[in-house]
């Protein structure tokens, strides 16, 4: 029995998700923005392959595309505390992180100008830190950076709930260097929903790996029309 336990323990030294390159489908859907943000159907919900290595699942994240850009909705449930968000401490805040490589270069270890990292916080902005925050932020160790955009270019809506929050966001096509869903329907892609209380729900690997800066550790997203 002790030998079996030892083998089981050793098997956890390798995160099983690092052995594969995962692919998800992003469905084409109308990105109609309203005063309550976006609404996306169940078919747009993304899996969390990070659960294969014991990662938590506490968020319903849905992502869709249209010629005018990429949109998402997220519902986080199970919280007992308010989200911890600071627009001056983005990496430490609760929220949604989305990474895109519009040229899908799976073998590069340093980001190029086609690699984007977007952060979305349900709060943390404004004098009282009650306003949601959306930013395109630099990727560490990048060899090139996408064209800069004004913060107001990204649309965001957030609403607190008794046990979490709901949030949606829209990235206009012009805010993504190289975004071309017709000629380039495959993109490098990774997401994470970070929460100090609930943990780190991710597409694949956890933040124990340098996923924030190494595109070779991301998965792939295929833009399809239903």
Protein backbone atom coordinates (compact mmCIF):
# COMPACT_ATOMS: atom_id res chain seq x y z
CA UNK A 1 0.00 0.00 0.00
CA UNK A 2 2.81 2.43 0.85
CA UNK A 3 4.25 1.95 -2.63
CA UNK A 4 0.90 2.83 -4.24
CA UNK A 5 0.63 5.97 -2.12
CA UNK A 6 4.14 7.00 -3.08
CA UNK A 7 3.39 6.56 -6.79
CA UNK A 8 0.19 8.59 -6.46
CA UNK A 9 2.06 11.38 -4.73
CA UNK A 10 4.82 11.37 -7.35
CA UNK A 11 2.26 11.55 -10.14
CA UNK A 12 1.16 14.93 -8.83
CA UNK A 13 4.61 16.38 -9.41
CA UNK A 14 3.64 16.85 -13.07
CA UNK A 15 0.58 18.91 -13.86
CA UNK A 16 -1.31 16.74 -16.39
CA UNK A 17 -2.41 19.78 -18.38
CA UNK A 18 1.17 20.61 -19.35
CA UNK A 19 1.29 17.44 -21.45
CA UNK A 20 -1.31 18.69 -23.94
CA UNK A 21 -2.20 21.78 -25.93
CA UNK A 22 -5.91 22.31 -25.40
CA UNK A 23 -8.28 23.82 -27.92
CA UNK A 24 -11.59 25.59 -27.33
CA UNK A 25 -14.20 26.88 -29.74
CA UNK A 26 -15.29 30.50 -29.65
CA UNK A 27 -18.69 30.79 -31.29
CA UNK A 28 -19.73 33.71 -33.41
CA UNK A 29 -22.53 35.58 -31.68
CA UNK A 30 -24.04 39.04 -31.83
CA UNK A 31 -22.23 41.33 -29.41
CA UNK A 32 -25.06 43.71 -28.67
CA UNK A 33 -23.97 46.01 -25.85
CA UNK A 34 -26.62 47.46 -23.55
CA UNK A 35 -26.71 49.30 -20.24
CA UNK A 36 -26.42 45.87 -18.62
CA UNK A 37 -23.49 44.75 -20.74
CA UNK A 38 -23.66 41.58 -22.83
CA UNK A 39 -25.75 38.43 -22.77
CA UNK A 40 -24.24 35.21 -24.12
CA UNK A 41 -25.82 31.75 -24.34
CA UNK A 42 -24.73 28.54 -22.61
CA UNK A 43 -23.13 27.39 -25.86
CA UNK A 44 -20.45 30.07 -25.35
CA UNK A 45 -19.41 28.76 -21.95
CA UNK A 46 -15.74 27.76 -21.71
CA UNK A 47 -14.40 24.72 -19.86
CA UNK A 48 -11.68 24.78 -17.22
CA UNK A 49 -9.15 22.08 -18.02
CA UNK A 50 -7.28 23.24 -14.95
CA UNK A 51 -9.77 21.14 -12.98
CA UNK A 52 -7.90 18.06 -14.25
CA UNK A 53 -5.09 18.95 -11.87
CA UNK A 54 -7.38 19.91 -8.99
CA UNK A 55 -8.01 23.53 -9.86
CA UNK A 56 -11.25 25.14 -8.58
CA UNK A 57 -14.34 25.89 -10.65
CA UNK A 58 -16.41 28.78 -9.33
CA UNK A 59 -17.01 30.95 -12.41
CA UNK A 60 -19.24 30.64 -15.44
CA UNK A 61 -17.16 32.28 -18.18
CA UNK A 62 -18.55 32.71 -21.69
CA UNK A 63 -16.65 34.15 -24.65
CA UNK A 64 -17.85 34.89 -28.19
CA UNK A 65 -16.59 36.67 -31.26
CA UNK A 66 -18.00 38.81 -34.05
CA UNK A 67 -16.34 40.82 -36.83
CA UNK A 68 -16.47 43.83 -34.53
CA UNK A 69 -14.54 42.17 -31.72
CA UNK A 70 -14.59 39.71 -28.83
CA UNK A 71 -16.95 39.77 -25.85
CA UNK A 72 -17.29 37.86 -22.60
CA UNK A 73 -19.58 37.41 -19.61
CA UNK A 74 -18.67 35.93 -16.24
CA UNK A 75 -20.62 34.97 -13.14
CA UNK A 76 -18.65 34.31 -9.96
CA UNK A 77 -20.51 32.60 -7.12
CA UNK A 78 -19.71 31.18 -3.70
CA UNK A 79 -18.02 34.23 -2.18
CA UNK A 80 -18.57 35.44 1.36
CA UNK A 81 -16.42 38.55 1.06
CA UNK A 82 -16.50 41.42 -1.39
CA UNK A 83 -14.07 41.19 -4.32
CA UNK A 84 -10.66 42.67 -3.53
CA UNK A 85 -9.84 45.08 -6.37
CA UNK A 86 -7.41 47.97 -6.78
CA UNK A 87 -6.72 49.76 -10.06
CA UNK A 88 -3.24 50.47 -8.72
CA UNK A 89 -2.55 46.78 -7.97
CA UNK A 90 -4.01 45.00 -10.98
CA UNK A 91 -2.07 41.75 -10.71
CA UNK A 92 -3.16 41.27 -7.11
CA UNK A 93 -6.84 42.03 -7.69
CA UNK A 94 -9.82 39.72 -8.13
CA UNK A 95 -11.03 39.60 -11.71
CA UNK A 96 -10.79 38.09 -15.17
CA UNK A 97 -7.60 37.83 -17.21
CA UNK A 98 -7.74 37.14 -20.95
CA UNK A 99 -4.72 36.48 -23.16
CA UNK A 100 -4.88 36.41 -26.97
CA UNK A 101 -2.24 35.82 -29.63
CA UNK A 102 -3.87 36.88 -32.89
CA UNK A 103 -1.21 35.04 -34.93
CA UNK A 104 -1.30 31.81 -32.88
CA UNK A 105 2.43 31.15 -32.47
CA UNK A 106 2.48 28.17 -30.08
CA UNK A 107 6.26 27.71 -30.07
CA UNK A 108 7.31 31.16 -28.88
CA UNK A 109 8.25 31.75 -25.25
CA UNK A 110 8.20 35.54 -25.36
CA UNK A 111 5.20 37.59 -26.44
CA UNK A 112 5.14 39.53 -29.71
CA UNK A 113 3.10 42.53 -30.84
CA UNK A 114 0.24 40.13 -31.58
CA UNK A 115 -0.01 38.99 -27.96
CA UNK A 116 -2.47 40.79 -25.70
CA UNK A 117 -3.28 40.62 -22.02
CA UNK A 118 -6.55 42.17 -20.87
CA UNK A 119 -7.54 42.57 -17.21
CA UNK A 120 -11.13 43.10 -16.07
CA UNK A 121 -11.96 43.98 -12.45
CA UNK A 122 -15.53 44.19 -11.07
CA UNK A 123 -14.48 47.13 -8.88
CA UNK A 124 -11.38 49.02 -7.81
CA UNK A 125 -11.67 52.19 -9.88
CA UNK A 126 -12.89 55.68 -9.02
CA UNK A 127 -12.56 57.66 -5.79
CA UNK A 128 -14.48 55.03 -3.80
CA UNK A 129 -13.05 52.04 -5.71
CA UNK A 130 -16.58 51.10 -6.76
CA UNK A 131 -16.13 51.37 -10.53
CA UNK A 132 -15.17 48.39 -12.71
CA UNK A 133 -11.79 48.50 -14.43
CA UNK A 134 -10.72 47.26 -17.89
CA UNK A 135 -7.12 47.50 -19.08
CA UNK A 136 -4.74 46.27 -21.73
CA UNK A 137 -1.57 45.64 -19.76
CA UNK A 138 1.99 44.86 -20.90
CA UNK A 139 3.19 41.26 -20.92
CA UNK A 140 6.41 40.73 -19.00
CA UNK A 141 9.51 39.93 -21.09
CA UNK A 142 7.67 40.64 -24.35
CA UNK A 143 9.75 41.09 -27.53
CA UNK A 144 7.08 43.41 -28.89
CA UNK A 145 3.89 45.09 -27.72
CA UNK A 146 0.51 45.57 -29.41
CA UNK A 147 -0.52 49.06 -30.35
CA UNK A 148 -1.61 51.05 -27.28
CA UNK A 149 -5.26 51.83 -26.70
CA UNK A 150 -7.11 54.23 -24.44
CA UNK A 151 -8.73 52.61 -21.38
CA UNK A 152 -12.16 53.86 -22.48
CA UNK A 153 -11.95 51.80 -25.69
CA UNK A 154 -12.73 48.64 -23.69
CA UNK A 155 -16.35 48.37 -22.60
CA UNK A 156 -17.15 46.88 -19.21
CA UNK A 157 -20.17 46.37 -16.97
CA UNK A 158 -20.22 44.81 -13.51
CA UNK A 159 -22.89 44.15 -10.90
CA UNK A 160 -22.37 42.83 -7.36
CA UNK A 161 -24.36 39.79 -6.19
CA UNK A 162 -24.98 38.45 -2.70
CA UNK A 163 -22.33 35.76 -3.16
CA UNK A 164 -20.14 37.17 -5.92
CA UNK A 165 -20.53 39.31 -9.01
CA UNK A 166 -21.47 39.38 -12.69
CA UNK A 167 -19.38 41.15 -15.26
CA UNK A 168 -19.17 41.50 -19.03
CA UNK A 169 -16.73 43.13 -21.37
CA UNK A 170 -16.18 43.92 -25.03
CA UNK A 171 -12.86 44.20 -26.88
CA UNK A 172 -13.35 46.09 -30.16
CA UNK A 173 -11.57 44.59 -33.17
CA UNK A 174 -9.46 47.74 -33.47
CA UNK A 175 -8.08 47.19 -29.98
CA UNK A 176 -6.40 43.91 -30.99
CA UNK A 177 -3.32 44.11 -33.19
CA UNK A 178 -3.67 41.62 -36.03
CA UNK A 179 -7.25 40.55 -35.26
CA UNK A 180 -8.57 38.99 -38.48
CA UNK A 181 -11.19 36.31 -37.81
CA UNK A 182 -11.59 35.40 -41.49
CA UNK A 183 -7.96 34.90 -42.51
CA UNK A 184 -6.70 34.05 -39.01
CA UNK A 185 -9.46 31.96 -37.36
CA UNK A 186 -7.06 30.40 -34.84
CA UNK A 187 -5.59 32.34 -31.94
CA UNK A 188 -3.41 31.54 -28.99
CA UNK A 189 -5.65 31.81 -25.93
CA UNK A 190 -5.58 31.51 -22.17
CA UNK A 191 -7.87 32.74 -19.42
CA UNK A 192 -7.89 32.93 -15.66
CA UNK A 193 -10.50 34.02 -13.14
CA UNK A 194 -8.52 35.03 -10.09
CA UNK A 195 -10.05 35.37 -6.64
CA UNK A 196 -8.29 35.70 -3.29
CA UNK A 197 -11.06 33.80 -1.57
CA UNK A 198 -11.98 31.12 -4.14
CA UNK A 199 -8.71 30.50 -5.94
CA UNK A 200 -7.50 30.51 -9.55
CA UNK A 201 -9.78 29.03 -12.20
CA UNK A 202 -7.92 28.72 -15.48
CA UNK A 203 -8.11 27.29 -18.96
CA UNK A 204 -5.19 24.94 -18.30
CA UNK A 205 -2.13 25.48 -16.11
CA UNK A 206 -2.22 27.28 -12.78
CA UNK A 207 -0.32 30.45 -11.92
CA UNK A 208 2.45 28.24 -10.53
CA UNK A 209 3.65 28.29 -14.15
CA UNK A 210 4.70 31.45 -16.07
CA UNK A 211 1.47 31.48 -18.09
CA UNK A 212 1.18 35.26 -17.83
CA UNK A 213 4.26 35.78 -20.00
CA UNK A 214 4.92 32.56 -21.97
CA UNK A 215 2.59 32.06 -25.00
CA UNK A 216 3.82 28.48 -25.47
CA UNK A 217 1.88 27.58 -22.30
CA UNK A 218 -1.43 28.93 -23.63
CA UNK A 219 -4.08 26.91 -25.44
CA UNK A 220 -5.77 27.67 -28.75
CA UNK A 221 -9.11 29.22 -29.64
CA UNK A 222 -10.82 28.47 -32.93
CA UNK A 223 -13.27 31.12 -34.13
CA UNK A 224 -16.23 29.34 -35.69
CA UNK A 225 -19.68 30.20 -36.95
CA UNK A 226 -22.50 27.99 -35.61
